[in-house]
């Protein structure tokens, strides 16, 4: 299982790359890339949230 920091870092990377893909898709008219970017952005938000939850649980347990 990954630690909270790793989940949050991976989430930030996915959000950033996803947003870039989304913008590139919009600018070029490539709907597939735009949707792929939106999906990756959403995945990044989920990973980041998972990391925050791990932090919260860890602080409650300690």
Foldseek 3Di string as FASTA:
>chain_A
DDALVVLQVQLVVLLVVLVVQLVVCVVVVPVVSNVSSVVSNVVSVVSNVVSVVRVVVVVVVD
